[in-house]
């Protein structure tokens, strides 16, 4: 009976590992597409708690974006598979590469600096 329970646990663990591997591959594909569209990319992974991890991407042209992975391990695996540079923190020269436009300024601080409000 213990052998049956152990086999069931191994099967569940195998499914979780396969699911995580597929998620990492999908994310790596999206990271690669971002990097190709922006002349290369660098990234940083931030822990989001139970929700998972956020992968922040910054392109060589200053474009930026982010993806959410189901776990920190999946996010790190995706970044490794994509082959981009991974930074420990989002600061310094890495953060200085980000180029924001009018849309970002109006959405992030629009109310404070006189941009459009969210009134419907």
C-alpha atoms as a PDB file:
ATOM      1  CA  UNK A   1       0.000   0.000   0.000  1.00  0.00           C
ATOM      2  CA  UNK A   2       2.886   2.367   0.782  1.00  0.00           C
ATOM      3  CA  UNK A   3       4.330   1.573  -2.644  1.00  0.00           C
ATOM      4  CA  UNK A   4       1.078   2.628  -4.321  1.00  0.00           C
ATOM      5  CA  UNK A   5       1.024   5.940  -2.438  1.00  0.00           C
ATOM      6  CA  UNK A   6       4.675   6.559  -3.324  1.00  0.00           C
ATOM      7  CA  UNK A   7       4.034   5.810  -7.005  1.00  0.00           C
ATOM      8  CA  UNK A   8       1.064   8.201  -6.985  1.00  0.00           C
ATOM      9  CA  UNK A   9       3.173  10.944  -5.416  1.00  0.00           C
ATOM     10  CA  UNK A  10       5.902  10.438  -8.018  1.00  0.00           C
ATOM     11  CA  UNK A  11       3.312  10.624 -10.798  1.00  0.00           C
ATOM     12  CA  UNK A  12       1.903  13.900  -9.421  1.00  0.00           C
ATOM     13  CA  UNK A  13       5.413  15.328  -9.017  1.00  0.00           C
ATOM     14  CA  UNK A  14       6.209  14.303 -12.589  1.00  0.00           C
ATOM     15  CA  UNK A  15       3.104  16.077 -13.874  1.00  0.00           C
ATOM     16  CA  UNK A  16       3.971  19.245 -11.931  1.00  0.00           C
ATOM     17  CA  UNK A  17       7.513  19.190 -13.302  1.00  0.00           C
ATOM     18  CA  UNK A  18       6.228  18.711 -16.852  1.00  0.00           C
ATOM     19  CA  UNK A  19       3.723  21.542 -16.416  1.00  0.00           C
ATOM     20  CA  UNK A  20       6.454  23.844 -15.061  1.00  0.00           C
ATOM     21  CA  UNK A  21       8.729  22.924 -17.970  1.00  0.00           C
ATOM     22  CA  UNK A  22       5.989  23.737 -20.507  1.00  0.00           C
ATOM     23  CA  UNK A  23       5.282  27.059 -18.777  1.00  0.00           C
ATOM     24  CA  UNK A  24       8.986  27.958 -18.834  1.00  0.00           C
ATOM     25  CA  UNK A  25       9.204  27.065 -22.541  1.00  0.00           C
ATOM     26  CA  UNK A  26       6.176  29.259 -23.377  1.00  0.00           C
ATOM     27  CA  UNK A  27       7.598  32.168 -21.397  1.00  0.00           C
ATOM     28  CA  UNK A  28      11.045  31.706 -22.991  1.00  0.00           C
ATOM     29  CA  UNK A  29       9.423  31.889 -26.415  1.00  0.00           C
ATOM     30  CA  UNK A  30       7.734  35.184 -25.497  1.00  0.00           C
ATOM     31  CA  UNK A  31      10.957  36.561 -23.987  1.00  0.00           C
ATOM     32  CA  UNK A  32      12.816  35.616 -27.166  1.00  0.00           C
ATOM     33  CA  UNK A  33      10.195  37.353 -29.317  1.00  0.00           C
ATOM     34  CA  UNK A  34      10.500  40.481 -27.163  1.00  0.00           C
ATOM     35  CA  UNK A  35      14.288  40.415 -27.433  1.00  0.00           C
ATOM     36  CA  UNK A  36      14.113  39.998 -31.218  1.00  0.00           C
ATOM     37  CA  UNK A  37      11.675  42.897 -31.567  1.00  0.00           C
ATOM     38  CA  UNK A  38      13.805  45.210 -29.395  1.00  0.00           C
ATOM     39  CA  UNK A  39      17.327  44.398 -30.586  1.00  0.00           C
ATOM     40  CA  UNK A  40      18.118  42.261 -27.547  1.00  0.00           C
ATOM     41  CA  UNK A  41      16.897  42.310 -23.975  1.00  0.00           C
ATOM     42  CA  UNK A  42      17.870  42.054 -20.327  1.00  0.00           C
ATOM     43  CA  UNK A  43      15.651  41.026 -17.458  1.00  0.00           C
ATOM     44  CA  UNK A  44      15.037  40.926 -13.739  1.00  0.00           C
ATOM     45  CA  UNK A  45      12.870  38.483 -11.782  1.00  0.00           C
ATOM     46  CA  UNK A  46      10.852  39.724  -8.795  1.00  0.00           C
ATOM     47  CA  UNK A  47       9.007  37.453  -6.346  1.00  0.00           C
ATOM     48  CA  UNK A  48       5.269  38.201  -6.164  1.00  0.00           C
ATOM     49  CA  UNK A  49       4.336  35.846  -3.338  1.00  0.00           C
ATOM     50  CA  UNK A  50       1.766  33.116  -3.960  1.00  0.00           C
ATOM     51  CA  UNK A  51       0.972  34.677  -7.324  1.00  0.00           C
ATOM     52  CA  UNK A  52       4.404  33.723  -8.691  1.00  0.00           C
ATOM     53  CA  UNK A  53       7.147  35.921 -10.094  1.00  0.00           C
ATOM     54  CA  UNK A  54       7.327  38.905 -12.409  1.00  0.00           C
ATOM     55  CA  UNK A  55       9.862  38.968 -15.231  1.00  0.00           C
ATOM     56  CA  UNK A  56      10.673  42.567 -16.173  1.00  0.00           C
ATOM     57  CA  UNK A  57      12.187  42.895 -19.635  1.00  0.00           C
ATOM     58  CA  UNK A  58      14.086  45.884 -20.999  1.00  0.00           C
ATOM     59  CA  UNK A  59      15.027  45.954 -24.671  1.00  0.00           C
ATOM     60  CA  UNK A  60      18.192  47.468 -26.089  1.00  0.00           C
ATOM     61  CA  UNK A  61      16.004  50.171 -27.649  1.00  0.00           C
ATOM     62  CA  UNK A  62      14.556  51.140 -24.244  1.00  0.00           C
ATOM     63  CA  UNK A  63      11.239  49.361 -24.759  1.00  0.00           C
ATOM     64  CA  UNK A  64      10.042  47.428 -21.758  1.00  0.00           C
ATOM     65  CA  UNK A  65       7.456  44.878 -20.739  1.00  0.00           C
ATOM     66  CA  UNK A  66       6.772  42.225 -18.189  1.00  0.00           C
ATOM     67  CA  UNK A  67       5.477  38.690 -17.843  1.00  0.00           C
ATOM     68  CA  UNK A  68       4.173  36.789 -14.827  1.00  0.00           C
ATOM     69  CA  UNK A  69       5.359  33.234 -14.191  1.00  0.00           C
ATOM     70  CA  UNK A  70       3.601  30.785 -11.854  1.00  0.00           C
ATOM     71  CA  UNK A  71       6.731  30.511  -9.666  1.00  0.00           C
ATOM     72  CA  UNK A  72      10.161  32.045  -9.208  1.00  0.00           C
ATOM     73  CA  UNK A  73      11.810  28.814 -10.391  1.00  0.00           C
ATOM     74  CA  UNK A  74       9.770  28.800 -13.609  1.00  0.00           C
ATOM     75  CA  UNK A  75      10.658  32.457 -14.218  1.00  0.00           C
ATOM     76  CA  UNK A  76      14.382  31.792 -13.756  1.00  0.00           C
ATOM     77  CA  UNK A  77      14.186  28.748 -16.022  1.00  0.00           C
ATOM     78  CA  UNK A  78      12.422  30.772 -18.729  1.00  0.00           C
ATOM     79  CA  UNK A  79      15.056  33.509 -18.602  1.00  0.00           C
ATOM     80  CA  UNK A  80      17.850  30.918 -18.820  1.00  0.00           C
ATOM     81  CA  UNK A  81      16.164  29.216 -21.792  1.00  0.00           C
ATOM     82  CA  UNK A  82      15.743  32.570 -23.558  1.00  0.00           C
ATOM     83  CA  UNK A  83      19.428  33.340 -23.031  1.00  0.00           C
ATOM     84  CA  UNK A  84      19.072  36.952 -21.883  1.00  0.00           C
ATOM     85  CA  UNK A  85      21.126  38.681 -19.198  1.00  0.00           C
ATOM     86  CA  UNK A  86      19.490  38.454 -15.769  1.00  0.00           C
ATOM     87  CA  UNK A  87      19.990  41.253 -13.225  1.00  0.00           C
ATOM     88  CA  UNK A  88      19.630  40.870  -9.468  1.00  0.00           C
ATOM     89  CA  UNK A  89      17.781  44.167  -9.047  1.00  0.00           C
ATOM     90  CA  UNK A  90      16.050  46.797 -11.126  1.00  0.00           C
ATOM     91  CA  UNK A  91      18.350  49.752 -10.589  1.00  0.00           C
ATOM     92  CA  UNK A  92      21.395  51.566 -11.919  1.00  0.00           C
ATOM     93  CA  UNK A  93      22.295  51.266 -15.587  1.00  0.00           C
ATOM     94  CA  UNK A  94      19.664  48.580 -16.135  1.00  0.00           C
ATOM     95  CA  UNK A  95      16.794  50.804 -14.975  1.00  0.00           C
ATOM     96  CA  UNK A  96      18.242  53.775 -16.866  1.00  0.00           C
ATOM     97  CA  UNK A  97      17.732  51.900 -20.156  1.00  0.00           C
ATOM     98  CA  UNK A  98      13.931  52.109 -19.814  1.00  0.00           C
ATOM     99  CA  UNK A  99      12.351  54.708 -22.096  1.00  0.00           C
ATOM    100  CA  UNK A 100       8.862  55.825 -21.190  1.00  0.00           C
ATOM    101  CA  UNK A 101       6.522  57.749 -23.419  1.00  0.00           C
ATOM    102  CA  UNK A 102       3.494  59.969 -22.944  1.00  0.00           C
ATOM    103  CA  UNK A 103       1.208  56.993 -22.352  1.00  0.00           C
ATOM    104  CA  UNK A 104       3.241  55.689 -19.417  1.00  0.00           C
ATOM    105  CA  UNK A 105       3.560  59.151 -17.870  1.00  0.00           C
ATOM    106  CA  UNK A 106      -0.170  59.780 -18.114  1.00  0.00           C
ATOM    107  CA  UNK A 107      -1.012  56.366 -16.636  1.00  0.00           C
ATOM    108  CA  UNK A 108       1.592  56.360 -13.850  1.00  0.00           C
ATOM    109  CA  UNK A 109       1.336  59.956 -12.691  1.00  0.00           C
ATOM    110  CA  UNK A 110      -1.319  61.521 -14.867  1.00  0.00           C
ATOM    111  CA  UNK A 111      -3.490  62.819 -12.057  1.00  0.00           C
ATOM    112  CA  UNK A 112      -0.553  64.403 -10.237  1.00  0.00           C
ATOM    113  CA  UNK A 113       0.917  66.157 -13.302  1.00  0.00           C
ATOM    114  CA  UNK A 114      -2.304  67.064 -15.066  1.00  0.00           C
ATOM    115  CA  UNK A 115      -2.633  64.078 -17.375  1.00  0.00           C
ATOM    116  CA  UNK A 116      -5.881  62.354 -18.264  1.00  0.00           C
ATOM    117  CA  UNK A 117      -7.853  60.872 -15.419  1.00  0.00           C
ATOM    118  CA  UNK A 118      -9.611  57.522 -15.300  1.00  0.00           C
ATOM    119  CA  UNK A 119     -13.077  59.084 -15.368  1.00  0.00           C
ATOM    120  CA  UNK A 120     -15.494  57.047 -17.430  1.00  0.00           C
END
